[in-house]
Amino acid sequence: MPWKEKESVKLYYAIGEVAKMFDVNASLIRFWEKEFDIIKPQKNKKGNRLFTEDDISNFRIIYHLVKERGYTLQGAKEKLKQNKYDTTNNVEMVKSLEKIKDFLLELKKEL
């Protein structure tokens, strides 16, 4: 069996990469960073923000609450404070269901 290299995982993402992931402006990423204390990027010597996978997961939760579910910023903060675990599970479930939906639609096209 030929050697397969593991897919490399980035340790840090630049603000532009994060903004592109969520199809939002970098200014919104900076704003959410200030508003939500669960976002804690590292900064390099130049002062550029470097986001981790945990930060990306937290952005995913915030994006889900604010953009997809229509929560206000205050409402999203309270929801995260009340029970971040349930909120995280809901986001993961929605993501899984969307993948299944995409797969089924692709399958339907091929029939």
N, C-alpha and C. Protein backbone atom coordinates (compact mmCIF):
# COMPACT_ATOMS: atom_id res chain seq x y z
N MET A 1 0.85 -1.18 0.00
CA MET A 1 0.00 0.00 0.00
C MET A 1 0.89 1.24 0.00
N PRO A 2 0.65 2.17 -0.91
CA PRO A 2 1.50 3.37 -0.97
C PRO A 2 1.33 4.24 0.27
N TRP A 3 2.38 4.96 0.55
CA TRP A 3 2.41 5.86 1.70
C TRP A 3 1.43 7.00 1.48
N LYS A 4 0.57 7.24 2.45
CA LYS A 4 -0.35 8.37 2.38
C LYS A 4 -0.03 9.32 3.52
N GLU A 5 0.25 10.53 3.14
CA GLU A 5 0.54 11.54 4.15
C GLU A 5 -0.78 12.06 4.72
N LYS A 6 -0.79 12.24 6.04
CA LYS A 6 -1.98 12.79 6.68
C LYS A 6 -2.22 14.19 6.18
N GLU A 7 -3.48 14.54 6.08
CA GLU A 7 -3.84 15.90 5.69
C GLU A 7 -3.35 16.85 6.77
N SER A 8 -2.59 17.85 6.36
CA SER A 8 -2.06 18.77 7.35
C SER A 8 -3.16 19.73 7.82
N VAL A 9 -3.15 19.97 9.10
CA VAL A 9 -4.12 20.87 9.70
C VAL A 9 -3.37 22.14 10.11
N LYS A 10 -3.94 23.27 9.73
CA LYS A 10 -3.30 24.53 10.08
C LYS A 10 -3.50 24.80 11.57
N LEU A 11 -2.50 25.35 12.19
CA LEU A 11 -2.61 25.73 13.60
C LEU A 11 -3.28 27.09 13.74
N TYR A 12 -3.00 27.97 12.81
CA TYR A 12 -3.53 29.33 12.90
C TYR A 12 -4.07 29.78 11.55
N TYR A 13 -5.11 30.60 11.62
CA TYR A 13 -5.73 31.16 10.42
C TYR A 13 -5.71 32.68 10.53
N ALA A 14 -5.39 33.33 9.42
CA ALA A 14 -5.40 34.79 9.37
C ALA A 14 -6.85 35.27 9.33
N ILE A 15 -7.06 36.52 9.68
CA ILE A 15 -8.41 37.08 9.73
C ILE A 15 -9.10 37.00 8.37
N GLY A 16 -8.35 37.19 7.30
CA GLY A 16 -8.92 37.10 5.96
C GLY A 16 -9.44 35.70 5.65
N GLU A 17 -8.70 34.70 6.10
CA GLU A 17 -9.13 33.31 5.88
C GLU A 17 -10.41 33.02 6.65
N VAL A 18 -10.49 33.51 7.87
CA VAL A 18 -11.67 33.29 8.69
C VAL A 18 -12.88 34.00 8.07
N ALA A 19 -12.67 35.23 7.63
CA ALA A 19 -13.75 35.99 7.00
C ALA A 19 -14.26 35.25 5.76
N LYS A 20 -13.34 34.70 4.99
CA LYS A 20 -13.72 33.97 3.77
C LYS A 20 -14.51 32.69 4.11
N MET A 21 -14.13 32.01 5.19
CA MET A 21 -14.83 30.79 5.62
C MET A 21 -16.31 31.06 5.86
N PHE A 22 -16.61 32.22 6.43
CA PHE A 22 -17.97 32.55 6.81
C PHE A 22 -18.64 33.54 5.84
N ASP A 23 -17.90 33.90 4.79
CA ASP A 23 -18.40 34.82 3.77
C ASP A 23 -18.88 36.13 4.41
N VAL A 24 -18.02 36.69 5.27
CA VAL A 24 -18.30 37.97 5.92
C VAL A 24 -17.06 38.86 5.79
N ASN A 25 -17.21 40.12 6.12
CA ASN A 25 -16.06 41.04 6.09
C ASN A 25 -15.17 40.83 7.31
N ALA A 26 -13.89 41.12 7.16
CA ALA A 26 -12.95 41.02 8.27
C ALA A 26 -13.37 41.93 9.42
N SER A 27 -14.02 43.04 9.09
CA SER A 27 -14.45 43.96 10.15
C SER A 27 -15.48 43.29 11.07
N LEU A 28 -16.33 42.41 10.52
CA LEU A 28 -17.29 41.69 11.35
C LEU A 28 -16.57 40.71 12.27
N ILE A 29 -15.52 40.09 11.78
CA ILE A 29 -14.72 39.17 12.61
C ILE A 29 -14.10 39.94 13.78
N ARG A 30 -13.53 41.11 13.50
CA ARG A 30 -12.95 41.94 14.56
C ARG A 30 -14.03 42.37 15.56
N PHE A 31 -15.20 42.74 15.05
CA PHE A 31 -16.30 43.17 15.91
C PHE A 31 -16.74 42.03 16.83
N TRP A 32 -16.94 40.84 16.27
CA TRP A 32 -17.35 39.69 17.09
C TRP A 32 -16.29 39.34 18.12
N GLU A 33 -15.03 39.51 17.73
CA GLU A 33 -13.94 39.24 18.69
C GLU A 33 -14.07 40.15 19.90
N LYS A 34 -14.41 41.41 19.68
CA LYS A 34 -14.57 42.36 20.80
C LYS A 34 -15.82 42.06 21.61
N GLU A 35 -16.88 41.62 20.95
CA GLU A 35 -18.16 41.40 21.61
C GLU A 35 -18.24 40.08 22.39
N PHE A 36 -17.56 39.05 21.91
CA PHE A 36 -17.66 37.72 22.51
C PHE A 36 -16.32 37.33 23.13
N ASP A 37 -16.33 37.11 24.43
CA ASP A 37 -15.07 36.80 25.12
C ASP A 37 -14.57 35.38 24.86
N ILE A 38 -15.35 34.55 24.14
CA ILE A 38 -14.87 33.20 23.82
C ILE A 38 -13.91 33.22 22.63
N ILE A 39 -13.80 34.34 21.95
CA ILE A 39 -12.87 34.49 20.83
C ILE A 39 -11.61 35.15 21.37
N LYS A 40 -10.52 34.40 21.33
CA LYS A 40 -9.25 34.91 21.88
C LYS A 40 -8.10 34.61 20.92
N PRO A 41 -7.97 35.40 19.85
CA PRO A 41 -6.88 35.11 18.91
C PRO A 41 -5.51 35.47 19.48
N GLN A 42 -4.52 34.75 19.01
CA GLN A 42 -3.13 35.11 19.29
C GLN A 42 -2.81 36.30 18.38
N LYS A 43 -1.76 37.02 18.72
CA LYS A 43 -1.30 38.08 17.82
C LYS A 43 0.19 37.90 17.60
N ASN A 44 0.60 38.09 16.35
CA ASN A 44 2.04 37.97 16.06
C ASN A 44 2.73 39.30 16.34
N LYS A 45 4.02 39.36 16.03
CA LYS A 45 4.79 40.58 16.33
C LYS A 45 4.25 41.81 15.61
N LYS A 46 3.66 41.60 14.44
CA LYS A 46 3.09 42.71 13.68
C LYS A 46 1.73 43.13 14.21
N GLY A 47 1.16 42.32 15.10
CA GLY A 47 -0.17 42.62 15.64
C GLY A 47 -1.30 41.96 14.86
N ASN A 48 -0.95 41.10 13.88
CA ASN A 48 -1.97 40.39 13.12
C ASN A 48 -2.62 39.31 13.98
N ARG A 49 -3.92 39.18 13.85
CA ARG A 49 -4.66 38.17 14.60
C ARG A 49 -4.43 36.80 13.98
N LEU A 50 -4.23 35.81 14.84
CA LEU A 50 -4.06 34.44 14.41
C LEU A 50 -5.08 33.58 15.16
N PHE A 51 -6.05 33.05 14.42
CA PHE A 51 -7.15 32.31 15.02
C PHE A 51 -6.89 30.80 15.00
N THR A 52 -7.26 30.12 16.09
CA THR A 52 -7.08 28.67 16.21
C THR A 52 -8.36 27.95 15.77
N GLU A 53 -8.29 26.63 15.73
CA GLU A 53 -9.47 25.82 15.41
C GLU A 53 -10.59 26.08 16.43
N ASP A 54 -10.21 26.26 17.71
CA ASP A 54 -11.22 26.57 18.74
C ASP A 54 -11.93 27.88 18.42
N ASP A 55 -11.15 28.88 18.00
CA ASP A 55 -11.76 30.16 17.62
C ASP A 55 -12.72 29.97 16.45
N ILE A 56 -12.32 29.15 15.47
CA ILE A 56 -13.17 28.90 14.30
C ILE A 56 -14.47 28.23 14.75
N SER A 57 -14.37 27.26 15.65
CA SER A 57 -15.57 26.59 16.17
C SER A 57 -16.48 27.58 16.89
N ASN A 58 -15.89 28.47 17.66
CA ASN A 58 -16.68 29.49 18.36
C ASN A 58 -17.33 30.47 17.37
N PHE A 59 -16.60 30.83 16.31
CA PHE A 59 -17.18 31.68 15.27
C PHE A 59 -18.36 30.96 14.62
N ARG A 60 -18.22 29.66 14.40
CA ARG A 60 -19.29 28.88 13.78
C ARG A 60 -20.56 28.96 14.64
N ILE A 61 -20.39 28.86 15.96
CA ILE A 61 -21.53 28.94 16.88
C ILE A 61 -22.15 30.34 16.83
N ILE A 62 -21.31 31.37 16.89
CA ILE A 62 -21.80 32.75 16.85
C ILE A 62 -22.51 33.01 15.52
N TYR A 63 -21.91 32.57 14.43
CA TYR A 63 -22.51 32.76 13.11
C TYR A 63 -23.88 32.09 13.05
N HIS A 64 -23.95 30.86 13.56
CA HIS A 64 -25.22 30.12 13.57
C HIS A 64 -26.29 30.88 14.35
N LEU A 65 -25.94 31.35 15.53
CA LEU A 65 -26.91 32.05 16.36
C LEU A 65 -27.35 33.38 15.75
N VAL A 66 -26.39 34.17 15.30
CA VAL A 66 -26.68 35.53 14.84
C VAL A 66 -27.20 35.56 13.40
N LYS A 67 -26.52 34.89 12.50
CA LYS A 67 -26.87 34.99 11.08
C LYS A 67 -27.96 34.00 10.66
N GLU A 68 -27.91 32.78 11.20
CA GLU A 68 -28.86 31.76 10.76
C GLU A 68 -30.12 31.71 11.62
N ARG A 69 -29.98 31.92 12.91
CA ARG A 69 -31.13 31.83 13.81
C ARG A 69 -31.73 33.20 14.14
N GLY A 70 -31.02 34.28 13.81
CA GLY A 70 -31.56 35.62 13.99
C GLY A 70 -31.46 36.19 15.39
N TYR A 71 -30.58 35.64 16.22
CA TYR A 71 -30.39 36.18 17.57
C TYR A 71 -29.75 37.56 17.49
N THR A 72 -30.09 38.41 18.46
CA THR A 72 -29.34 39.66 18.62
C THR A 72 -28.00 39.30 19.25
N LEU A 73 -27.07 40.23 19.25
CA LEU A 73 -25.78 39.94 19.88
C LEU A 73 -25.97 39.62 21.36
N GLN A 74 -26.82 40.41 22.03
CA GLN A 74 -27.08 40.17 23.45
C GLN A 74 -27.72 38.80 23.65
N GLY A 75 -28.67 38.46 22.79
CA GLY A 75 -29.33 37.16 22.87
C GLY A 75 -28.35 36.01 22.67
N ALA A 76 -27.44 36.17 21.72
CA ALA A 76 -26.42 35.14 21.46
C ALA A 76 -25.49 35.00 22.66
N LYS A 77 -25.10 36.13 23.25
CA LYS A 77 -24.23 36.08 24.44
C LYS A 77 -24.93 35.33 25.57
N GLU A 78 -26.20 35.63 25.79
CA GLU A 78 -26.95 34.96 26.86
C GLU A 78 -27.11 33.48 26.59
N LYS A 79 -27.38 33.13 25.34
CA LYS A 79 -27.53 31.72 24.95
C LYS A 79 -26.22 30.97 25.22
N LEU A 80 -25.10 31.56 24.88
CA LEU A 80 -23.81 30.93 25.12
C LEU A 80 -23.51 30.82 26.61
N LYS A 81 -23.91 31.83 27.35
CA LYS A 81 -23.69 31.82 28.80
C LYS A 81 -24.53 30.74 29.47
N GLN A 82 -25.78 30.60 29.02
CA GLN A 82 -26.71 29.64 29.61
C GLN A 82 -26.23 28.20 29.41
N ASN A 83 -25.94 27.86 28.15
CA ASN A 83 -25.57 26.48 27.89
C ASN A 83 -24.84 26.37 26.56
N LYS A 84 -23.54 26.60 26.59
CA LYS A 84 -22.73 26.54 25.38
C LYS A 84 -22.72 25.13 24.80
N TYR A 85 -22.75 24.12 25.67
CA TYR A 85 -22.67 22.73 25.22
C TYR A 85 -23.85 22.38 24.30
N ASP A 86 -25.07 22.70 24.72
CA ASP A 86 -26.25 22.41 23.89
C ASP A 86 -26.20 23.19 22.59
N THR A 87 -25.79 24.42 22.66
CA THR A 87 -25.70 25.25 21.46
C THR A 87 -24.70 24.66 20.48
N THR A 88 -23.55 24.22 21.00
CA THR A 88 -22.52 23.59 20.17
C THR A 88 -23.07 22.33 19.51
N ASN A 89 -23.77 21.51 20.28
CA ASN A 89 -24.36 20.29 19.72
C ASN A 89 -25.35 20.60 18.62
N ASN A 90 -26.18 21.63 18.82
CA ASN A 90 -27.15 22.01 17.79
C ASN A 90 -26.45 22.45 16.50
N VAL A 91 -25.38 23.22 16.63
CA VAL A 91 -24.64 23.67 15.46
C VAL A 91 -24.05 22.48 14.72
N GLU A 92 -23.47 21.54 15.46
CA GLU A 92 -22.89 20.34 14.84
C GLU A 92 -23.96 19.50 14.16
N MET A 93 -25.12 19.39 14.77
CA MET A 93 -26.21 18.61 14.18
C MET A 93 -26.68 19.26 12.88
N VAL A 94 -26.84 20.58 12.88
CA VAL A 94 -27.26 21.29 11.66
C VAL A 94 -26.23 21.08 10.56
N LYS A 95 -24.94 21.16 10.92
CA LYS A 95 -23.87 20.96 9.93
C LYS A 95 -23.94 19.55 9.34
N SER A 96 -24.15 18.55 10.19
CA SER A 96 -24.26 17.16 9.72
C SER A 96 -25.46 16.98 8.81
N LEU A 97 -26.58 17.55 9.20
CA LEU A 97 -27.79 17.43 8.38
C LEU A 97 -27.63 18.11 7.02
N GLU A 98 -26.91 19.24 7.00
CA GLU A 98 -26.66 19.91 5.72
C GLU A 98 -25.80 19.06 4.81
N LYS A 99 -24.82 18.36 5.38
CA LYS A 99 -23.97 17.46 4.58
C LYS A 99 -24.81 16.32 4.01
N ILE A 100 -25.69 15.77 4.83
CA ILE A 100 -26.56 14.68 4.38
C ILE A 100 -27.48 15.18 3.26
N LYS A 101 -28.04 16.37 3.44
CA LYS A 101 -28.92 16.96 2.43
C LYS A 101 -28.18 17.13 1.11
N ASP A 102 -26.94 17.68 1.17
CA ASP A 102 -26.15 17.87 -0.04
C ASP A 102 -25.87 16.54 -0.73
N PHE A 103 -25.55 15.53 0.07
CA PHE A 103 -25.28 14.20 -0.46
C PHE A 103 -26.53 13.65 -1.17
N LEU A 104 -27.68 13.76 -0.52
CA LEU A 104 -28.92 13.24 -1.10
C LEU A 104 -29.32 13.99 -2.37
N LEU A 105 -29.12 15.30 -2.37
CA LEU A 105 -29.43 16.07 -3.59
C LEU A 105 -28.50 15.67 -4.74
N GLU A 106 -27.25 15.43 -4.43
CA GLU A 106 -26.29 14.98 -5.43
C GLU A 106 -26.68 13.60 -5.96
N LEU A 107 -27.11 12.74 -5.06
CA LEU A 107 -27.56 11.39 -5.42
C LEU A 107 -28.80 11.47 -6.31
N LYS A 108 -29.71 12.36 -5.98
CA LYS A 108 -30.94 12.54 -6.76
C LYS A 108 -30.62 12.97 -8.18
N LYS A 109 -29.63 13.86 -8.33
CA LYS A 109 -29.22 14.33 -9.66
C LYS A 109 -28.74 13.17 -10.53
N GLU A 110 -28.05 12.24 -9.89
CA GLU A 110 -27.45 11.12 -10.64
C GLU A 110 -28.46 10.06 -11.04
N LEU A 111 -29.65 10.09 -10.43
CA LEU A 111 -30.66 9.07 -10.75
C LEU A 111 -31.40 9.39 -12.03
